[in-house]
Amino acid sequence: MAATDFKDYYSVLGVSKTASQDEIKQAFRKLARKYHPDVNPNNKQAEAKFKEVSEAYEVLSDSDKRKKYDQFGQYWKQAGEGFPNGAGGVGVDVGGFDFSQYGSFDDFINELLGRFGGAAPGGARGSSQSYSYRTSTKTGGPTGFNDYGFQTPDGGKTQDSEAIISLGFAEAFHGVEKQLSLGNEIIKVRIPAGAKTGSKLRVRGKGPVNPFNQQRGDLYLKVELKPHVFFQLEGDNLICEVPITPDEAVLGTSVEVPTPENTTAKVNIPPGIRSGQTLRLRGKGWVLGNSRRGDLMVKIAIATPKDITPQERELYEKLRSIRSYNPRSNLNNVQL
């Protein structure tokens, strides 16, 4: 990644580098609602901004990714992956290394290993130690993957590579066909319905070529789901939060809840429900395969209005004066 391509994710979300996870989450939700494609149909600029905001939240909401981003800046993905240990447990530690002196991560790799051969750092002659790094880049067309490897001359095994592919919730839920660019080669890959973050798809024979035996390895695509403004995925279940008013919580009600099929499902809210309680819609969650579905978990949030009419205020005050229920009665006996 060139220095000019670097995105300051903190600036994208409009938060400081010391922002808490709650502040980051609140900033993302506000911007996601503002730029969501459903709110800005056919607005390419808003769509691009939504993707940028989602990308920033994806990194800063993950403590491990955020730590690497804060340490390595624009090279956080490459430096965070480091170099896997070779035979004999030899590894390279890049912790605390200053990457700012290089124009790109390629420059760093060229200096450290050399692009065209030589002995691996710290490796004995005749060994088959292997060091590799992998990066993924996005272009205006197909997704592009850049894979570089280095192996000593007697290495006889094929070399596999791994790349991250980002999917929206709709793409992952329904399945999607993606067009990928592997150097000068364009391939099409079908992602089956129900992919999750961490899911891996093996593309046989599309990895890097071993220069010593000309055998080509496999490409593994590791799925990462982009954040969604309403749904979250936990295991096999979808989680969503639905607000209700205080009177609905006391008296009970029924509400229409969005489902991943872009339809709605009716949910009966029982009287006396508390904020934070969860209701289950069986079979309305994530695709599990074999025509099975997970559940949709509806988390209830009691939303109190900030602006009320004079008549509403009068009724709330009257209700307060005649209310018999004291939710804090159990606090009277609390002691250390």
Protein backbone atom coordinates (compact mmCIF):
# COMPACT_ATOMS: atom_id res chain seq x y z
CA MET A 1 0.00 0.00 0.00
CA ALA A 2 1.43 3.34 -0.97
CA ALA A 3 1.59 6.03 1.65
CA THR A 4 -0.98 8.08 -0.30
CA ASP A 5 -3.52 5.22 0.02
CA PHE A 6 -3.41 5.23 3.80
CA LYS A 7 -6.73 5.80 5.53
CA ASP A 8 -6.86 7.26 9.02
CA TYR A 9 -9.68 5.15 10.44
CA TYR A 10 -10.00 7.41 13.47
CA SER A 11 -10.61 10.42 11.21
CA VAL A 12 -13.05 8.39 9.11
CA LEU A 13 -15.21 7.76 12.21
CA GLY A 14 -14.54 11.21 13.65
CA VAL A 15 -13.11 9.93 16.94
CA SER A 16 -9.82 10.39 18.76
CA LYS A 17 -7.13 7.72 19.01
CA THR A 18 -8.00 7.30 22.69
CA ALA A 19 -11.70 6.72 21.98
CA SER A 20 -13.36 3.90 23.92
CA GLN A 21 -15.09 0.98 22.20
CA ASP A 22 -18.47 2.47 23.08
CA GLU A 23 -17.51 5.80 21.48
CA ILE A 24 -16.31 4.00 18.35
CA LYS A 25 -19.51 1.97 18.18
CA GLN A 26 -21.71 5.05 18.62
CA ALA A 27 -19.79 6.95 15.94
CA PHE A 28 -20.11 4.03 13.50
CA ARG A 29 -23.85 3.63 14.07
CA LYS A 30 -24.44 7.33 13.50
CA LEU A 31 -22.45 7.40 10.25
CA ALA A 32 -23.79 4.04 9.05
CA ARG A 33 -27.35 5.31 9.36
CA LYS A 34 -26.40 8.51 7.52
CA TYR A 35 -24.68 6.84 4.57
CA HIS A 36 -26.51 3.49 4.37
CA PRO A 37 -27.45 2.59 0.75
CA ASP A 38 -31.09 2.12 1.77
CA VAL A 39 -31.18 5.75 2.92
CA ASN A 40 -29.22 7.00 -0.12
CA PRO A 41 -30.42 4.96 -3.12
CA ASN A 42 -28.28 5.31 -6.28
CA ASN A 43 -25.86 7.59 -4.46
CA LYS A 44 -22.37 6.27 -5.31
CA GLN A 45 -20.66 8.81 -3.07
CA ALA A 46 -22.73 7.78 -0.05
CA GLU A 47 -22.16 4.10 -0.89
CA ALA A 48 -18.39 4.64 -0.98
CA LYS A 49 -18.55 6.52 2.31
CA PHE A 50 -20.60 3.70 3.89
CA LYS A 51 -17.97 1.16 2.80
CA GLU A 52 -15.19 3.37 4.19
CA VAL A 53 -16.98 3.78 7.53
CA SER A 54 -17.64 0.01 7.73
CA GLU A 55 -13.98 -0.73 6.96
CA ALA A 56 -12.84 1.64 9.71
CA TYR A 57 -15.24 0.15 12.25
CA GLU A 58 -14.22 -3.39 11.31
CA VAL A 59 -10.64 -2.61 12.32
CA LEU A 60 -11.12 -0.30 15.31
CA SER A 61 -13.84 -2.44 16.92
CA ASP A 62 -11.50 -5.42 17.04
CA SER A 63 -8.97 -4.99 19.86
CA ASP A 64 -6.27 -7.10 18.15
CA LYS A 65 -6.63 -5.36 14.79
CA ARG A 66 -6.73 -1.94 16.45
CA LYS A 67 -3.51 -2.68 18.35
CA LYS A 68 -1.74 -3.67 15.13
CA TYR A 69 -3.16 -0.64 13.32
CA ASP A 70 -1.95 1.72 16.06
CA GLN A 71 1.53 0.14 15.97
CA PHE A 72 2.14 -0.31 12.23
CA GLY A 73 -0.14 2.27 10.62
CA GLN A 74 -0.67 1.69 6.89
CA TYR A 75 1.23 -1.63 7.02
CA TRP A 76 -0.76 -3.10 9.91
CA LYS A 77 -2.14 -6.02 7.88
CA GLN A 78 1.20 -7.11 6.46
CA ALA A 79 3.23 -6.51 9.60
CA GLY A 80 0.53 -8.03 11.79
CA GLU A 81 0.77 -11.31 9.89
CA GLY A 82 4.54 -11.36 10.30
CA PHE A 83 6.43 -14.43 9.11
CA PRO A 84 5.50 -17.98 10.05
CA ASN A 85 8.14 -20.10 11.73
CA GLY A 86 10.12 -22.33 9.45
CA ALA A 87 11.77 -25.65 10.21
CA GLY A 88 13.67 -25.63 13.47
CA GLY A 89 11.42 -22.94 14.92
CA VAL A 90 13.20 -20.03 13.23
CA GLY A 91 10.99 -16.93 13.04
CA VAL A 92 11.17 -13.20 12.46
CA ASP A 93 9.84 -10.80 15.05
CA VAL A 94 8.65 -7.49 13.57
CA GLY A 95 7.28 -6.09 16.83
CA GLY A 96 8.23 -2.45 17.30
CA PHE A 97 9.87 -2.20 13.84
CA ASP A 98 9.66 1.18 12.11
CA PHE A 99 8.10 0.66 8.67
CA SER A 100 7.85 4.38 7.86
CA GLN A 101 11.25 4.35 6.13
CA TYR A 102 9.83 2.21 3.32
CA GLY A 103 7.57 3.48 0.55
CA SER A 104 5.67 0.19 0.53
CA PHE A 105 5.73 -3.20 2.18
CA ASP A 106 7.19 -4.64 -1.05
CA ASP A 107 10.26 -2.45 -0.51
CA PHE A 108 10.67 -3.88 2.98
CA ILE A 109 10.37 -7.49 1.74
CA ASN A 110 12.81 -6.87 -1.11
CA GLU A 111 15.43 -5.58 1.29
CA LEU A 112 14.87 -8.26 3.92
CA LEU A 113 14.64 -11.37 1.76
CA GLY A 114 15.43 -10.48 -1.83
CA ARG A 115 12.88 -11.15 -4.53
CA PHE A 116 14.88 -13.74 -6.52
CA GLY A 117 16.37 -16.24 -4.08
CA GLY A 118 19.18 -16.64 -1.59
CA ALA A 119 19.25 -18.33 1.80
CA ALA A 120 16.47 -17.63 4.23
CA PRO A 121 17.51 -15.46 7.18
CA GLY A 122 18.95 -17.60 9.93
CA GLY A 123 18.42 -20.79 7.93
CA ALA A 124 21.10 -23.43 7.42
CA ARG A 125 22.10 -24.40 3.88
CA GLY A 126 20.19 -27.34 2.50
CA SER A 127 17.16 -26.68 4.70
CA SER A 128 13.68 -26.17 3.30
CA GLN A 129 12.57 -23.28 5.46
CA SER A 130 9.95 -21.04 3.93
CA TYR A 131 8.94 -17.47 4.71
CA SER A 132 6.01 -15.83 3.05
CA TYR A 133 3.66 -12.94 3.49
CA ARG A 134 0.36 -12.21 1.85
CA THR A 135 -1.59 -9.07 1.16
CA SER A 136 -4.97 -8.32 -0.37
CA THR A 137 -5.80 -5.17 -2.31
CA LYS A 138 -9.03 -3.91 -3.84
CA THR A 139 -9.26 -2.21 -7.20
CA GLY A 140 -12.11 -0.59 -9.05
CA GLY A 141 -12.89 -3.91 -10.76
CA PRO A 142 -12.12 -7.39 -9.46
CA THR A 143 -10.50 -7.95 -6.10
CA GLY A 144 -6.74 -8.32 -6.54
CA PHE A 145 -4.43 -10.56 -4.52
CA ASN A 146 -0.68 -10.14 -4.30
CA ASP A 147 1.30 -13.17 -3.06
CA TYR A 148 5.07 -13.32 -2.69
CA GLY A 149 7.04 -16.29 -1.42
CA PHE A 150 10.64 -17.33 -0.84
CA GLN A 151 11.95 -20.85 -0.50
CA THR A 152 15.39 -22.44 -0.56
CA PRO A 153 16.33 -24.33 -3.77
CA ASP A 154 15.56 -27.81 -2.48
CA GLY A 155 12.01 -26.93 -1.42
CA GLY A 156 9.79 -29.54 -3.03
CA LYS A 157 6.34 -28.79 -1.69
CA THR A 158 3.66 -26.69 -3.29
CA GLN A 159 3.04 -23.29 -1.78
CA ASP A 160 -0.46 -22.29 -0.72
CA SER A 161 -1.60 -18.74 -0.16
CA GLU A 162 -4.37 -17.14 1.83
CA ALA A 163 -6.27 -13.93 1.17
CA ILE A 164 -9.11 -12.16 2.92
CA ILE A 165 -12.35 -11.55 1.05
CA SER A 166 -14.87 -9.11 2.55
CA LEU A 167 -18.57 -9.80 2.10
CA GLY A 168 -21.66 -7.84 2.98
CA PHE A 169 -24.33 -9.60 5.05
CA ALA A 170 -26.61 -10.02 2.01
CA GLU A 171 -23.81 -11.55 -0.06
CA ALA A 172 -22.87 -13.99 2.69
CA PHE A 173 -26.49 -14.89 3.51
CA HIS A 174 -27.63 -15.58 -0.06
CA GLY A 175 -24.29 -16.63 -1.57
CA VAL A 176 -22.49 -14.68 -4.26
CA GLU A 177 -20.15 -15.07 -7.21
CA LYS A 178 -17.00 -12.95 -7.01
CA GLN A 179 -14.54 -12.11 -9.75
CA LEU A 180 -10.95 -12.10 -8.54
CA SER A 181 -7.76 -10.86 -10.12
CA LEU A 182 -4.68 -13.04 -9.55
CA GLY A 183 -1.96 -11.06 -11.28
CA ASN A 184 -2.84 -11.31 -14.98
CA GLU A 185 -5.42 -14.04 -14.38
CA ILE A 186 -9.12 -13.40 -13.76
CA ILE A 187 -11.11 -16.15 -12.01
CA LYS A 188 -14.68 -16.46 -10.78
CA VAL A 189 -15.38 -17.92 -7.35
CA ARG A 190 -18.77 -18.93 -6.00
CA ILE A 191 -19.22 -18.23 -2.28
CA PRO A 192 -21.98 -20.53 -0.94
CA ALA A 193 -24.84 -19.20 1.16
CA GLY A 194 -24.19 -19.04 4.89
CA ALA A 195 -20.54 -17.94 4.92
CA LYS A 196 -19.35 -16.43 8.22
CA THR A 197 -16.31 -14.53 9.40
CA GLY A 198 -13.53 -17.11 9.52
CA SER A 199 -15.05 -19.38 6.88
CA LYS A 200 -12.49 -20.60 4.35
CA LEU A 201 -12.98 -21.43 0.70
CA ARG A 202 -10.36 -23.51 -1.10
CA VAL A 203 -9.63 -22.64 -4.73
CA ARG A 204 -7.53 -25.51 -6.07
CA GLY A 205 -4.50 -24.78 -8.20
CA LYS A 206 -4.75 -20.99 -7.95
CA GLY A 207 -1.99 -20.40 -5.41
CA PRO A 208 1.60 -19.29 -6.13
CA VAL A 209 3.88 -21.39 -8.35
CA ASN A 210 6.86 -23.05 -6.68
CA PRO A 211 9.75 -21.83 -8.91
CA PHE A 212 11.77 -25.00 -8.29
CA ASN A 213 9.26 -27.67 -9.30
CA GLN A 214 6.65 -25.50 -11.11
CA GLN A 215 3.85 -26.97 -9.01
CA ARG A 216 1.07 -24.57 -8.16
CA GLY A 217 -0.48 -24.51 -4.71
CA ASP A 218 -4.01 -23.64 -3.64
CA LEU A 219 -5.59 -20.32 -2.79
CA TYR A 220 -7.58 -20.13 0.45
CA LEU A 221 -10.11 -17.32 0.71
CA LYS A 222 -10.86 -16.36 4.31
CA VAL A 223 -14.21 -14.63 4.75
CA GLU A 224 -14.69 -11.45 6.77
CA LEU A 225 -18.20 -10.05 7.14
CA LYS A 226 -18.62 -6.30 6.95
CA PRO A 227 -20.56 -4.79 9.88
CA HIS A 228 -24.31 -4.42 9.39
CA VAL A 229 -26.29 -1.48 10.70
CA PHE A 230 -29.02 -3.71 12.25
CA PHE A 231 -27.97 -7.38 12.38
CA GLN A 232 -25.08 -9.04 14.18
CA LEU A 233 -24.03 -12.66 13.79
CA GLU A 234 -23.22 -14.72 16.88
CA GLY A 235 -22.59 -18.38 16.16
CA ASP A 236 -25.53 -19.73 14.18
CA ASN A 237 -27.92 -17.00 15.32
CA LEU A 238 -28.63 -13.49 14.16
CA ILE A 239 -28.96 -10.80 16.83
CA CYS A 240 -30.91 -7.57 16.47
CA GLU A 241 -32.13 -4.88 18.84
CA VAL A 242 -35.69 -3.56 18.67
CA PRO A 243 -36.81 -0.47 20.64
CA ILE A 244 -40.23 -0.25 22.31
CA THR A 245 -41.89 2.52 24.35
CA PRO A 246 -42.48 2.36 28.14
CA ASP A 247 -46.24 1.87 27.71
CA GLU A 248 -45.62 -0.99 25.24
CA ALA A 249 -43.30 -2.61 27.77
CA VAL A 250 -45.93 -2.38 30.52
CA LEU A 251 -49.00 -3.33 28.50
CA GLY A 252 -47.45 -5.58 25.88
CA THR A 253 -47.70 -5.15 22.11
CA SER A 254 -46.79 -6.72 18.78
CA VAL A 255 -44.13 -5.36 16.44
CA GLU A 256 -42.87 -6.15 12.95
CA VAL A 257 -39.18 -7.10 12.95
CA PRO A 258 -37.00 -7.12 9.78
CA THR A 259 -35.63 -10.50 8.73
CA PRO A 260 -32.60 -11.29 6.53
CA GLU A 261 -34.93 -12.18 3.61
CA ASN A 262 -35.93 -8.47 3.47
CA THR A 263 -39.35 -9.34 4.89
CA THR A 264 -40.76 -8.81 8.37
CA ALA A 265 -41.91 -11.17 11.10
CA LYS A 266 -44.51 -10.41 13.74
CA VAL A 267 -43.23 -10.58 17.30
CA ASN A 268 -45.54 -10.53 20.32
CA ILE A 269 -44.08 -8.53 23.21
CA PRO A 270 -45.48 -9.85 26.53
CA PRO A 271 -46.65 -7.37 29.20
CA GLY A 272 -44.01 -6.45 31.76
CA ILE A 273 -41.00 -7.20 29.58
CA ARG A 274 -37.72 -5.66 30.70
CA SER A 275 -35.09 -3.87 28.67
CA GLY A 276 -32.39 -6.34 27.61
CA GLN A 277 -34.65 -9.38 27.51
CA THR A 278 -34.42 -11.44 24.32
CA LEU A 279 -37.17 -13.10 22.29
CA ARG A 280 -36.40 -15.94 19.89
CA LEU A 281 -37.73 -16.31 16.34
CA ARG A 282 -36.93 -19.89 15.45
CA GLY A 283 -35.65 -20.61 11.96
CA LYS A 284 -35.37 -16.92 11.02
CA GLY A 285 -31.60 -16.61 11.50
CA TRP A 286 -28.49 -17.50 9.50
CA VAL A 287 -28.29 -20.09 6.74
CA LEU A 288 -26.76 -23.32 8.11
CA GLY A 289 -26.95 -25.61 5.07
CA ASN A 290 -29.19 -28.58 4.31
CA SER A 291 -32.17 -26.20 4.29
CA ARG A 292 -31.59 -25.42 7.97
CA ARG A 293 -31.61 -21.97 9.55
CA GLY A 294 -30.44 -20.57 12.84
CA ASP A 295 -32.65 -18.38 15.02
CA LEU A 296 -33.22 -14.63 15.04
CA MET A 297 -32.73 -13.28 18.58
CA VAL A 298 -34.66 -10.07 19.17
CA LYS A 299 -33.19 -8.03 22.03
CA ILE A 300 -35.67 -5.57 23.53
CA ALA A 301 -34.59 -2.01 24.37
CA ILE A 302 -37.06 0.26 26.17
CA ALA A 303 -36.73 3.69 24.56
CA THR A 304 -37.80 6.66 26.65
CA PRO A 305 -38.86 9.76 24.69
CA LYS A 306 -36.89 12.97 25.19
CA ASP A 307 -39.52 15.32 23.76
CA ILE A 308 -43.12 14.87 24.93
CA THR A 309 -46.26 16.95 24.51
CA PRO A 310 -47.82 18.83 27.44
CA GLN A 311 -50.64 16.28 27.51
CA GLU A 312 -48.17 13.39 27.68
CA ARG A 313 -46.28 15.11 30.48
CA GLU A 314 -49.51 15.58 32.41
CA LEU A 315 -50.36 11.90 32.08
CA TYR A 316 -46.85 10.79 33.05
CA GLU A 317 -47.02 13.01 36.18
CA LYS A 318 -50.43 11.59 37.06
CA LEU A 319 -49.10 8.07 36.59
CA ARG A 320 -46.17 8.87 38.88
CA SER A 321 -48.50 10.10 41.58
CA ILE A 322 -50.59 6.94 41.60
CA ARG A 323 -47.91 4.37 40.79
CA SER A 324 -47.74 1.47 43.28
CA TYR A 325 -44.69 -0.33 41.86
CA ASN A 326 -41.26 0.52 43.31
CA PRO A 327 -38.46 -1.05 41.26
CA ARG A 328 -35.88 -0.09 43.91
CA SER A 329 -37.53 -1.62 46.94
CA ASN A 330 -34.86 -4.31 47.18
CA LEU A 331 -32.12 -1.67 47.58
CA ASN A 332 -33.18 -0.87 51.13
CA ASN A 333 -31.42 -3.93 52.55
CA VAL A 334 -28.25 -3.73 50.46
CA GLN A 335 -25.06 -3.56 52.55
CA LEU A 336 -21.47 -4.74 52.44
